[in-house]
Amino acid sequence: MVRGSGSPTSARYKIPSKSKVAGSRIIHARTVAWTLSPNLASVGSSIVAQGELKMNKDTEIIVGIDISKNKLDIQIQEDGQYFTCGNNIIDIGKLVEKLCGMHPSLIVLEATGGYEKGVVSALVEAKMPVAMVTPSWVRYFAKSSGTLAKTDKIDARMLVRYGRANHPPVVIVRSELQERLSVLMTRRSQVSLALISEKNHLSTTTFPDVKALIEASIENLEQQIMQLEEMIAEIIDQNPKLKNNKKNYL
């Protein structure tokens, strides 16, 4: 687990009955990128949403994966097989193949700020039931159950227990149209932030030649925003469901 990341939304440190996907993000087979909606997660250029998972406690197999920069720690059930592998394309491919043969009901891992990208993408591409949970909630869950020790192996086992107790929602790949819309909206946010920064620089600059460069940059950024909004509007107008919520995108 990534140490020290995330914070509970309640000052009373209340353990939620269901986990949520951290951030707003999409899943494509190659890369993972997070945005800002509590109900969506994105990896690369494909949107994923939360999906309810119904499990049979008598037959379910739950897998916990603790993620670090170079290594994955995998726990099958609370008292089942434990093993590790590298956090790289080759080892992740072998891991996915192994897990596919087990037919797990749920694979639980944490949103670690980037190190999870490769394994999440590969698991979702293989249509595996993956749930990304908030690290701070798992920590409080561990403390509430009396588990204070922290090792990678213990963390992986705790993810299994957390998954069994809370049944966090799995991520579901959405359409290519929503994928493109998310990318455009993310880019618009990036350009908007850059525009604000440039305007702040302009207000504090006294040298005419520097001001001219900043003004040119501002003009370029404003044009980009206009172009992005036109592209977003075009996508929304082509999709009735999106069009009904147009105000949420523009």
Protein backbone atom coordinates (compact mmCIF):
# COMPACT_ATOMS: atom_id res chain seq x y z
CA MET A 1 0.00 0.00 0.00
CA VAL A 2 1.14 3.53 -0.56
CA ARG A 3 1.79 5.10 2.81
CA GLY A 4 0.31 8.38 3.85
CA SER A 5 -1.83 8.99 0.76
CA GLY A 6 -5.48 9.97 0.87
CA SER A 7 -7.60 11.26 3.74
CA PRO A 8 -11.00 10.22 5.05
CA THR A 9 -13.92 12.40 4.11
CA SER A 10 -15.32 12.23 7.64
CA ALA A 11 -13.53 13.66 10.64
CA ARG A 12 -14.89 10.78 12.70
CA TYR A 13 -12.93 8.19 10.74
CA LYS A 14 -16.09 6.25 9.96
CA ILE A 15 -15.52 3.10 7.94
CA PRO A 16 -17.82 3.26 4.88
CA SER A 17 -20.04 0.33 3.98
CA LYS A 18 -18.87 0.50 0.38
CA SER A 19 -15.59 1.56 -1.12
CA LYS A 20 -15.41 4.10 -3.91
CA VAL A 21 -13.09 4.46 -6.83
CA ALA A 22 -10.62 7.22 -6.01
CA GLY A 23 -10.79 10.07 -8.46
CA SER A 24 -12.51 9.92 -11.88
CA ARG A 25 -10.75 7.76 -14.33
CA ILE A 26 -11.00 5.53 -17.57
CA ILE A 27 -9.56 2.22 -18.55
CA HIS A 28 -7.71 1.47 -21.73
CA ALA A 29 -5.18 -1.31 -22.15
CA ARG A 30 -2.10 0.86 -22.16
CA THR A 31 -2.25 3.83 -19.78
CA VAL A 32 -4.18 5.16 -16.78
CA ALA A 33 -5.13 8.78 -16.10
CA TRP A 34 -7.33 10.07 -13.28
CA THR A 35 -9.86 12.90 -13.33
CA LEU A 36 -12.16 14.37 -10.68
CA SER A 37 -15.57 12.67 -10.41
CA PRO A 38 -16.22 10.47 -7.35
CA ASN A 39 -18.26 8.08 -9.49
CA LEU A 40 -15.85 7.47 -12.36
CA ALA A 41 -12.32 6.24 -12.78
CA SER A 42 -10.21 6.46 -15.93
CA VAL A 43 -7.21 4.63 -17.20
CA GLY A 44 -5.56 5.94 -20.33
CA SER A 45 -8.31 6.99 -22.68
CA SER A 46 -11.31 4.87 -21.71
CA ILE A 47 -13.92 5.73 -19.07
CA VAL A 48 -14.76 3.35 -16.27
CA ALA A 49 -17.62 3.59 -13.81
CA GLN A 50 -18.56 1.81 -10.64
CA GLY A 51 -20.54 -1.39 -11.05
CA GLU A 52 -22.31 -3.36 -8.37
CA LEU A 53 -20.86 -6.80 -7.71
CA LYS A 54 -22.97 -9.61 -6.23
CA MET A 55 -20.89 -12.37 -4.72
CA ASN A 56 -21.57 -15.71 -3.12
CA LYS A 57 -19.58 -15.83 0.09
CA ASP A 58 -19.41 -19.61 -0.02
CA THR A 59 -17.71 -19.81 -3.41
CA GLU A 60 -16.14 -16.40 -4.05
CA ILE A 61 -12.41 -16.10 -4.59
CA ILE A 62 -11.04 -12.68 -3.64
CA VAL A 63 -7.55 -11.52 -4.55
CA GLY A 64 -5.67 -8.65 -2.93
CA ILE A 65 -2.81 -6.94 -4.77
CA ASP A 66 -0.50 -4.59 -2.88
CA ILE A 67 1.29 -2.33 -5.35
CA SER A 68 4.67 -0.64 -5.20
CA LYS A 69 6.86 0.88 -7.86
CA ASN A 70 8.71 -2.29 -8.83
CA LYS A 71 6.76 -5.13 -7.22
CA LEU A 72 3.28 -6.57 -6.81
CA ASP A 73 2.36 -8.62 -3.73
CA ILE A 74 -0.57 -10.95 -4.43
CA GLN A 75 -2.71 -12.71 -1.83
CA ILE A 76 -5.30 -15.32 -2.92
CA GLN A 77 -7.98 -15.47 -0.22
CA GLU A 78 -7.05 -14.58 3.37
CA ASP A 79 -5.26 -17.88 4.00
CA GLY A 80 -4.46 -18.97 0.45
CA GLN A 81 -1.46 -18.66 -1.83
CA TYR A 82 0.80 -15.62 -1.53
CA PHE A 83 3.36 -14.68 -4.15
CA THR A 84 5.07 -11.66 -5.68
CA CYS A 85 5.93 -10.54 -9.18
CA GLY A 86 7.50 -7.55 -10.88
CA ASN A 87 5.43 -4.49 -11.71
CA ASN A 88 6.32 -4.68 -15.40
CA ILE A 89 4.64 -5.69 -18.66
CA ILE A 90 6.04 -9.23 -18.80
CA ASP A 91 5.27 -10.20 -15.20
CA ILE A 92 1.87 -8.51 -15.28
CA GLY A 93 0.98 -10.56 -18.36
CA LYS A 94 1.87 -13.78 -16.52
CA LEU A 95 -0.11 -12.64 -13.48
CA VAL A 96 -3.22 -11.94 -15.56
CA GLU A 97 -2.97 -15.37 -17.16
CA LYS A 98 -2.67 -17.00 -13.73
CA LEU A 99 -5.62 -15.09 -12.28
CA CYS A 100 -7.81 -15.78 -15.31
CA GLY A 101 -7.40 -19.47 -14.56
CA MET A 102 -8.64 -18.94 -11.00
CA HIS A 103 -11.83 -17.07 -11.99
CA PRO A 104 -11.78 -14.71 -8.98
CA SER A 105 -14.99 -12.97 -7.92
CA LEU A 106 -13.08 -9.79 -7.08
CA ILE A 107 -9.57 -8.38 -7.32
CA VAL A 108 -8.94 -5.54 -4.88
CA LEU A 109 -6.12 -3.04 -5.18
CA GLU A 110 -5.48 0.51 -4.15
CA ALA A 111 -5.27 3.66 -6.22
CA THR A 112 -1.58 4.38 -5.67
CA GLY A 113 -1.13 7.51 -7.78
CA GLY A 114 0.25 5.82 -10.86
CA TYR A 115 1.99 2.55 -10.02
CA GLU A 116 -1.29 0.67 -10.50
CA LYS A 117 -1.72 1.75 -14.13
CA GLY A 118 -0.20 -1.25 -15.86
CA VAL A 119 -1.84 -3.99 -13.80
CA VAL A 120 -5.27 -2.32 -13.75
CA SER A 121 -5.21 -1.83 -17.52
CA ALA A 122 -4.20 -5.44 -18.15
CA LEU A 123 -6.79 -6.86 -15.74
CA VAL A 124 -9.63 -4.77 -17.14
CA GLU A 125 -8.62 -5.63 -20.71
CA ALA A 126 -8.89 -9.29 -19.67
CA LYS A 127 -12.40 -8.54 -18.32
CA MET A 128 -11.40 -9.31 -14.74
CA PRO A 129 -13.51 -7.88 -11.85
CA VAL A 130 -11.20 -5.17 -10.52
CA ALA A 131 -12.03 -2.77 -7.68
CA MET A 132 -9.81 0.21 -6.89
CA VAL A 133 -10.18 1.40 -3.32
CA THR A 134 -9.03 4.40 -1.33
CA PRO A 135 -5.85 3.65 0.69
CA SER A 136 -6.94 5.60 3.78
CA TRP A 137 -10.16 3.61 4.09
CA VAL A 138 -8.27 0.34 4.00
CA ARG A 139 -5.90 1.62 6.72
CA TYR A 140 -8.80 2.54 9.00
CA PHE A 141 -10.44 -0.78 8.25
CA ALA A 142 -7.21 -2.53 9.29
CA LYS A 143 -6.98 -0.53 12.51
CA SER A 144 -10.61 -1.25 13.34
CA SER A 145 -9.91 -4.97 12.99
CA GLY A 146 -6.86 -4.72 15.24
CA THR A 147 -4.20 -5.08 12.54
CA LEU A 148 -1.47 -2.55 13.25
CA ALA A 149 1.55 -4.29 11.69
CA LYS A 150 2.34 -3.29 8.11
CA THR A 151 4.21 -5.39 5.59
CA ASP A 152 3.46 -5.86 1.90
CA LYS A 153 2.14 -9.35 2.60
CA ILE A 154 -0.11 -8.15 5.41
CA ASP A 155 -1.36 -5.29 3.25
CA ALA A 156 -2.29 -7.67 0.42
CA ARG A 157 -4.18 -9.90 2.86
CA MET A 158 -5.95 -6.87 4.29
CA LEU A 159 -7.16 -5.94 0.80
CA VAL A 160 -8.76 -9.39 0.57
CA ARG A 161 -10.52 -8.88 3.90
CA TYR A 162 -11.60 -5.38 2.93
CA GLY A 163 -13.04 -6.67 -0.33
CA ARG A 164 -14.95 -9.46 1.40
CA ALA A 165 -16.38 -7.15 4.06
CA ASN A 166 -17.26 -4.17 1.86
CA HIS A 167 -17.81 -5.58 -1.66
CA PRO A 168 -16.37 -2.48 -3.38
CA PRO A 169 -17.74 -1.74 -6.87
CA VAL A 170 -15.83 -2.98 -9.88
CA VAL A 171 -14.70 -0.71 -12.72
CA ILE A 172 -16.54 -1.04 -16.03
CA VAL A 173 -15.23 0.15 -19.38
CA ARG A 174 -17.44 2.67 -21.14
CA SER A 175 -17.79 3.77 -24.72
CA GLU A 176 -15.18 5.25 -27.05
CA LEU A 177 -17.30 8.40 -27.30
CA GLN A 178 -17.17 8.94 -23.54
CA GLU A 179 -13.47 8.15 -23.66
CA ARG A 180 -12.85 10.96 -26.15
CA LEU A 181 -15.08 13.35 -24.21
CA SER A 182 -13.13 12.72 -21.02
CA VAL A 183 -9.80 13.37 -22.75
CA LEU A 184 -11.08 16.64 -24.22
CA MET A 185 -12.48 17.81 -20.89
CA THR A 186 -9.23 16.98 -19.12
CA ARG A 187 -7.29 18.93 -21.71
CA ARG A 188 -9.64 21.89 -21.36
CA SER A 189 -9.03 21.93 -17.61
CA GLN A 190 -5.27 21.83 -18.17
CA VAL A 191 -5.35 24.71 -20.65
CA SER A 192 -7.66 26.73 -18.38
CA LEU A 193 -5.20 26.41 -15.51
CA ALA A 194 -2.35 27.46 -17.79
CA LEU A 195 -4.39 30.49 -18.88
CA ILE A 196 -4.97 31.58 -15.29
CA SER A 197 -1.26 31.24 -14.60
CA GLU A 198 -0.29 33.31 -17.63
CA LYS A 199 -2.75 36.06 -16.69
CA ASN A 200 -1.24 36.18 -13.21
CA HIS A 201 2.23 36.48 -14.75
CA LEU A 202 1.02 39.28 -17.00
CA SER A 203 -0.29 41.29 -14.06
CA THR A 204 3.11 41.21 -12.34
CA THR A 205 5.37 41.80 -15.34
CA THR A 206 6.64 45.29 -16.17
CA PHE A 207 9.00 44.62 -19.09
CA PRO A 208 7.21 45.33 -22.41
CA ASP A 209 8.95 42.55 -24.37
CA VAL A 210 8.07 39.96 -21.73
CA LYS A 211 4.48 41.23 -21.57
CA ALA A 212 4.19 40.82 -25.33
CA LEU A 213 5.27 37.17 -25.08
CA ILE A 214 2.80 36.48 -22.29
CA GLU A 215 -0.02 38.20 -24.19
CA ALA A 216 0.70 36.02 -27.22
CA SER A 217 0.62 32.94 -25.00
CA ILE A 218 -2.69 34.04 -23.49
CA GLU A 219 -4.20 34.51 -26.94
CA ASN A 220 -3.05 31.05 -27.98
CA LEU A 221 -4.48 29.44 -24.84
CA GLU A 222 -7.82 31.20 -25.29
CA GLN A 223 -8.00 29.91 -28.86
CA GLN A 224 -7.28 26.39 -27.63
CA ILE A 225 -10.08 26.61 -25.09
CA MET A 226 -12.53 27.78 -27.75
CA GLN A 227 -11.49 24.94 -30.03
CA LEU A 228 -11.77 22.35 -27.25
CA GLU A 229 -15.24 23.59 -26.27
CA GLU A 230 -16.38 23.34 -29.88
CA MET A 231 -15.09 19.74 -30.02
CA ILE A 232 -16.81 18.90 -26.73
CA ALA A 233 -20.07 20.46 -27.89
CA GLU A 234 -19.94 18.48 -31.14
CA ILE A 235 -19.61 15.19 -29.29
CA ILE A 236 -22.42 16.05 -26.89
CA ASP A 237 -24.77 17.15 -29.67
CA GLN A 238 -24.25 13.81 -31.40
CA ASN A 239 -25.27 11.83 -28.31
CA PRO A 240 -28.82 12.29 -26.93
CA LYS A 241 -27.94 11.03 -23.46
CA LEU A 242 -25.01 13.40 -23.17
CA LYS A 243 -27.02 16.24 -24.70
CA ASN A 244 -29.55 16.05 -21.86
CA ASN A 245 -26.72 16.84 -19.44
CA LYS A 246 -24.89 19.33 -21.65
CA LYS A 247 -24.65 21.91 -18.87
CA ASN A 248 -22.44 19.50 -16.90
CA TYR A 249 -19.82 19.46 -19.65
CA LEU A 250 -19.70 23.05 -20.93
